[in-house]
Amino acid sequence: MSVGLSHIVRHDFKHMHDLQACSRFVIRTAYALQTQLHDEVWVRRGDVSWKDIVKYGWRKTLTFDNYNDLPAEFVIELNRYDVRLTLRNGFWEIDSMGYSFF
């Protein structure tokens, strides 16, 4: 048996077409989550780990192409809690990645 949960958490960030602004916002959020929860943090857009961000900086690890003029999709994963946070325009979409009881 497994359970999947989904939540929406509002924020004031609305610059989804600005990759540098998105990167900075995602890194600030990832840093806050990593320091408060003491969890291994992954930032998805090429499987960038928090250790890579600390070592190389966000400018080198989070430089992504913007395909078809669509906003970049940034995802933060918290491994210990099996939670995925996806940056959306004005909110975080937070999904559990399927917690299993067995």
N, C-alpha and C. Protein backbone atom coordinates (compact mmCIF):
# COMPACT_ATOMS: atom_id res chain seq x y z
N MET A 1 0.84 -1.17 0.00
CA MET A 1 0.00 0.00 0.00
C MET A 1 0.89 1.24 0.00
N SER A 2 0.52 2.23 -0.78
CA SER A 2 1.30 3.46 -0.83
C SER A 2 0.36 4.66 -0.83
N VAL A 3 0.93 5.81 -0.47
CA VAL A 3 0.17 7.04 -0.39
C VAL A 3 0.89 8.12 -1.18
N GLY A 4 0.19 8.86 -1.98
CA GLY A 4 0.76 10.00 -2.69
C GLY A 4 0.01 11.26 -2.29
N LEU A 5 0.74 12.28 -1.85
CA LEU A 5 0.14 13.54 -1.42
C LEU A 5 0.62 14.67 -2.31
N SER A 6 -0.21 15.67 -2.48
CA SER A 6 0.16 16.83 -3.27
C SER A 6 -0.31 18.09 -2.56
N HIS A 7 0.55 19.11 -2.55
CA HIS A 7 0.23 20.38 -1.90
C HIS A 7 0.65 21.52 -2.81
N ILE A 8 0.09 22.68 -2.54
CA ILE A 8 0.50 23.91 -3.21
C ILE A 8 0.87 24.91 -2.12
N VAL A 9 2.07 25.49 -2.24
CA VAL A 9 2.54 26.50 -1.30
C VAL A 9 2.82 27.76 -2.09
N ARG A 10 2.11 28.83 -1.77
CA ARG A 10 2.26 30.09 -2.51
C ARG A 10 3.56 30.80 -2.16
N HIS A 11 4.08 31.52 -3.15
CA HIS A 11 5.22 32.42 -2.95
C HIS A 11 5.03 33.61 -3.89
N ASP A 12 5.89 34.60 -3.76
CA ASP A 12 5.75 35.83 -4.55
C ASP A 12 6.59 35.85 -5.82
N PHE A 13 7.30 34.78 -6.12
CA PHE A 13 8.20 34.75 -7.28
C PHE A 13 7.38 34.56 -8.56
N LYS A 14 7.51 35.49 -9.51
CA LYS A 14 6.73 35.41 -10.75
C LYS A 14 7.58 35.70 -11.99
N HIS A 15 8.88 35.41 -11.93
CA HIS A 15 9.78 35.70 -13.05
C HIS A 15 10.23 34.40 -13.70
N MET A 16 9.30 33.59 -14.13
CA MET A 16 9.62 32.25 -14.63
C MET A 16 10.40 32.26 -15.94
N HIS A 17 10.37 33.33 -16.70
CA HIS A 17 11.10 33.37 -17.96
C HIS A 17 12.53 33.88 -17.78
N ASP A 18 12.91 34.25 -16.58
CA ASP A 18 14.27 34.71 -16.28
C ASP A 18 15.03 33.57 -15.61
N LEU A 19 15.90 32.89 -16.38
CA LEU A 19 16.60 31.71 -15.86
C LEU A 19 17.49 32.04 -14.68
N GLN A 20 18.16 33.19 -14.71
CA GLN A 20 19.03 33.54 -13.58
C GLN A 20 18.22 33.81 -12.33
N ALA A 21 17.10 34.50 -12.46
CA ALA A 21 16.25 34.76 -11.29
C ALA A 21 15.69 33.44 -10.75
N CYS A 22 15.28 32.54 -11.64
CA CYS A 22 14.79 31.22 -11.20
C CYS A 22 15.88 30.46 -10.45
N SER A 23 17.09 30.48 -11.01
CA SER A 23 18.20 29.77 -10.38
C SER A 23 18.46 30.31 -8.98
N ARG A 24 18.49 31.63 -8.84
CA ARG A 24 18.74 32.22 -7.52
C ARG A 24 17.64 31.86 -6.54
N PHE A 25 16.39 31.92 -6.97
CA PHE A 25 15.26 31.60 -6.09
C PHE A 25 15.30 30.13 -5.66
N VAL A 26 15.59 29.25 -6.61
CA VAL A 26 15.67 27.82 -6.31
C VAL A 26 16.82 27.52 -5.35
N ILE A 27 17.97 28.15 -5.57
CA ILE A 27 19.12 27.92 -4.70
C ILE A 27 18.85 28.42 -3.29
N ARG A 28 18.23 29.59 -3.16
CA ARG A 28 17.88 30.09 -1.82
C ARG A 28 16.94 29.13 -1.11
N THR A 29 15.96 28.62 -1.84
CA THR A 29 15.02 27.67 -1.25
C THR A 29 15.71 26.37 -0.90
N ALA A 30 16.54 25.86 -1.80
CA ALA A 30 17.26 24.61 -1.54
C ALA A 30 18.19 24.75 -0.33
N TYR A 31 18.86 25.90 -0.22
CA TYR A 31 19.74 26.14 0.91
C TYR A 31 18.95 26.15 2.22
N ALA A 32 17.81 26.82 2.22
CA ALA A 32 16.98 26.86 3.43
C ALA A 32 16.50 25.46 3.81
N LEU A 33 16.07 24.67 2.83
CA LEU A 33 15.62 23.31 3.11
C LEU A 33 16.76 22.44 3.62
N GLN A 34 17.93 22.57 2.99
CA GLN A 34 19.07 21.75 3.38
C GLN A 34 19.53 22.08 4.79
N THR A 35 19.56 23.36 5.14
CA THR A 35 20.04 23.73 6.47
C THR A 35 19.00 23.46 7.55
N GLN A 36 17.73 23.63 7.25
CA GLN A 36 16.69 23.42 8.26
C GLN A 36 16.35 21.95 8.46
N LEU A 37 16.34 21.17 7.38
CA LEU A 37 15.93 19.77 7.47
C LEU A 37 17.12 18.81 7.54
N HIS A 38 18.32 19.29 7.27
CA HIS A 38 19.53 18.45 7.27
C HIS A 38 19.34 17.25 6.36
N ASP A 39 18.87 17.52 5.16
CA ASP A 39 18.57 16.46 4.21
C ASP A 39 19.45 16.61 2.97
N GLU A 40 19.66 15.53 2.26
CA GLU A 40 20.35 15.57 0.97
C GLU A 40 19.39 16.22 -0.03
N VAL A 41 19.84 17.27 -0.69
CA VAL A 41 19.00 18.04 -1.60
C VAL A 41 19.49 17.83 -3.03
N TRP A 42 18.56 17.59 -3.94
CA TRP A 42 18.87 17.49 -5.36
C TRP A 42 18.05 18.53 -6.09
N VAL A 43 18.69 19.25 -7.01
CA VAL A 43 18.00 20.22 -7.84
C VAL A 43 17.97 19.65 -9.24
N ARG A 44 16.78 19.32 -9.73
CA ARG A 44 16.67 18.68 -11.04
C ARG A 44 16.64 19.69 -12.16
N ARG A 45 17.37 19.52 -13.12
CA ARG A 45 17.57 20.06 -14.45
C ARG A 45 18.95 19.58 -14.80
N GLY A 46 19.12 18.30 -14.80
CA GLY A 46 20.41 17.70 -15.06
C GLY A 46 20.98 17.02 -13.83
N ASP A 47 20.12 16.68 -12.87
CA ASP A 47 20.53 15.95 -11.67
C ASP A 47 21.68 16.63 -10.93
N VAL A 48 21.53 17.88 -10.64
CA VAL A 48 22.55 18.63 -9.93
C VAL A 48 22.36 18.40 -8.43
N SER A 49 23.39 17.92 -7.76
CA SER A 49 23.28 17.72 -6.32
C SER A 49 23.67 18.98 -5.57
N TRP A 50 23.26 19.05 -4.33
CA TRP A 50 23.61 20.20 -3.50
C TRP A 50 25.14 20.31 -3.38
N LYS A 51 25.82 19.18 -3.30
CA LYS A 51 27.29 19.20 -3.21
C LYS A 51 27.91 19.83 -4.44
N ASP A 52 27.33 19.58 -5.62
CA ASP A 52 27.82 20.20 -6.86
C ASP A 52 27.62 21.71 -6.83
N ILE A 53 26.46 22.14 -6.30
CA ILE A 53 26.17 23.57 -6.23
C ILE A 53 27.17 24.25 -5.29
N VAL A 54 27.43 23.63 -4.15
CA VAL A 54 28.39 24.19 -3.19
C VAL A 54 29.78 24.24 -3.80
N LYS A 55 30.16 23.19 -4.51
CA LYS A 55 31.51 23.11 -5.07
C LYS A 55 31.72 24.04 -6.27
N TYR A 56 30.77 24.05 -7.21
CA TYR A 56 30.95 24.77 -8.46
C TYR A 56 30.16 26.07 -8.54
N GLY A 57 29.20 26.27 -7.65
CA GLY A 57 28.37 27.47 -7.69
C GLY A 57 27.17 27.30 -8.60
N TRP A 58 26.12 28.06 -8.32
CA TRP A 58 24.89 27.90 -9.10
C TRP A 58 25.04 28.36 -10.53
N ARG A 59 25.95 29.29 -10.83
CA ARG A 59 26.10 29.76 -12.21
C ARG A 59 26.58 28.64 -13.14
N LYS A 60 27.43 27.75 -12.64
CA LYS A 60 27.94 26.66 -13.48
C LYS A 60 27.02 25.45 -13.47
N THR A 61 26.36 25.20 -12.35
CA THR A 61 25.56 23.98 -12.26
C THR A 61 24.12 24.17 -12.72
N LEU A 62 23.61 25.39 -12.69
CA LEU A 62 22.21 25.62 -13.05
C LEU A 62 22.06 26.50 -14.28
N THR A 63 22.91 26.30 -15.27
CA THR A 63 22.76 27.02 -16.54
C THR A 63 22.07 26.09 -17.52
N PHE A 64 20.82 26.37 -17.80
CA PHE A 64 20.01 25.49 -18.63
C PHE A 64 19.47 26.25 -19.83
N ASP A 65 19.23 25.50 -20.89
CA ASP A 65 18.60 26.10 -22.07
C ASP A 65 17.10 26.21 -21.84
N ASN A 66 16.53 27.26 -22.39
CA ASN A 66 15.09 27.45 -22.30
C ASN A 66 14.49 27.00 -23.63
N TYR A 67 13.88 25.84 -23.64
CA TYR A 67 13.36 25.25 -24.87
C TYR A 67 12.00 25.83 -25.23
N ASN A 68 11.84 26.15 -26.51
CA ASN A 68 10.55 26.58 -27.07
C ASN A 68 9.93 27.75 -26.34
N ASP A 69 10.73 28.62 -25.75
CA ASP A 69 10.23 29.80 -25.05
C ASP A 69 9.34 29.46 -23.85
N LEU A 70 9.39 28.24 -23.39
CA LEU A 70 8.62 27.85 -22.21
C LEU A 70 9.46 28.10 -20.96
N PRO A 71 8.83 28.37 -19.83
CA PRO A 71 9.62 28.56 -18.61
C PRO A 71 10.39 27.30 -18.25
N ALA A 72 11.55 27.50 -17.67
CA ALA A 72 12.35 26.36 -17.22
C ALA A 72 11.65 25.69 -16.05
N GLU A 73 11.75 24.36 -15.97
CA GLU A 73 11.16 23.65 -14.84
C GLU A 73 12.27 23.26 -13.88
N PHE A 74 12.23 23.83 -12.70
CA PHE A 74 13.20 23.53 -11.65
C PHE A 74 12.52 22.67 -10.60
N VAL A 75 13.19 21.61 -10.19
CA VAL A 75 12.64 20.69 -9.20
C VAL A 75 13.67 20.50 -8.09
N ILE A 76 13.21 20.57 -6.84
CA ILE A 76 14.06 20.25 -5.69
C ILE A 76 13.52 18.96 -5.11
N GLU A 77 14.41 17.99 -4.89
CA GLU A 77 14.00 16.73 -4.28
C GLU A 77 14.67 16.57 -2.92
N LEU A 78 13.88 16.18 -1.95
CA LEU A 78 14.37 15.87 -0.61
C LEU A 78 14.33 14.37 -0.45
N ASN A 79 15.50 13.76 -0.47
CA ASN A 79 15.57 12.30 -0.50
C ASN A 79 15.02 11.63 0.76
N ARG A 80 15.35 12.15 1.92
CA ARG A 80 14.92 11.52 3.16
C ARG A 80 13.40 11.48 3.27
N TYR A 81 12.74 12.53 2.80
CA TYR A 81 11.29 12.64 2.94
C TYR A 81 10.54 12.21 1.69
N ASP A 82 11.26 11.83 0.63
CA ASP A 82 10.63 11.44 -0.65
C ASP A 82 9.65 12.50 -1.12
N VAL A 83 10.11 13.75 -1.16
CA VAL A 83 9.26 14.87 -1.56
C VAL A 83 9.91 15.60 -2.72
N ARG A 84 9.09 16.02 -3.66
CA ARG A 84 9.54 16.77 -4.83
C ARG A 84 8.82 18.11 -4.84
N LEU A 85 9.60 19.21 -4.93
CA LEU A 85 9.06 20.56 -5.03
C LEU A 85 9.33 21.07 -6.44
N THR A 86 8.30 21.43 -7.17
CA THR A 86 8.44 21.95 -8.53
C THR A 86 8.07 23.42 -8.53
N LEU A 87 8.97 24.25 -9.06
CA LEU A 87 8.73 25.69 -9.09
C LEU A 87 7.70 26.01 -10.17
N ARG A 88 6.65 26.69 -9.76
CA ARG A 88 5.61 27.16 -10.67
C ARG A 88 5.47 28.68 -10.51
N ASN A 89 4.73 29.30 -11.38
CA ASN A 89 4.56 30.75 -11.35
C ASN A 89 3.66 31.14 -10.17
N GLY A 90 4.28 31.55 -9.07
CA GLY A 90 3.53 31.99 -7.90
C GLY A 90 3.32 30.93 -6.83
N PHE A 91 3.79 29.69 -7.06
CA PHE A 91 3.64 28.65 -6.05
C PHE A 91 4.62 27.52 -6.28
N TRP A 92 4.87 26.76 -5.21
CA TRP A 92 5.59 25.50 -5.29
C TRP A 92 4.55 24.39 -5.37
N GLU A 93 4.71 23.47 -6.29
CA GLU A 93 3.90 22.26 -6.34
C GLU A 93 4.69 21.19 -5.60
N ILE A 94 4.16 20.70 -4.49
CA ILE A 94 4.87 19.76 -3.64
C ILE A 94 4.18 18.40 -3.72
N ASP A 95 4.92 17.39 -4.14
CA ASP A 95 4.37 16.05 -4.30
C ASP A 95 5.22 15.05 -3.52
N SER A 96 4.53 14.11 -2.88
CA SER A 96 5.28 12.99 -2.32
C SER A 96 5.55 12.04 -3.46
N MET A 97 6.66 11.35 -3.39
CA MET A 97 7.05 10.47 -4.49
C MET A 97 6.61 9.03 -4.22
N GLY A 98 5.53 8.89 -3.48
CA GLY A 98 4.96 7.57 -3.24
C GLY A 98 5.50 6.86 -2.04
N TYR A 99 5.10 7.25 -0.87
CA TYR A 99 5.53 6.58 0.35
C TYR A 99 4.86 5.23 0.42
N SER A 100 5.63 4.19 0.65
CA SER A 100 5.10 2.83 0.69
C SER A 100 5.13 2.30 2.12
N PHE A 101 4.05 1.65 2.53
CA PHE A 101 3.95 1.10 3.86
C PHE A 101 4.68 -0.25 3.99
N PHE A 102 4.91 -0.91 2.87
CA PHE A 102 5.52 -2.25 2.92
C PHE A 102 6.85 -2.26 2.26
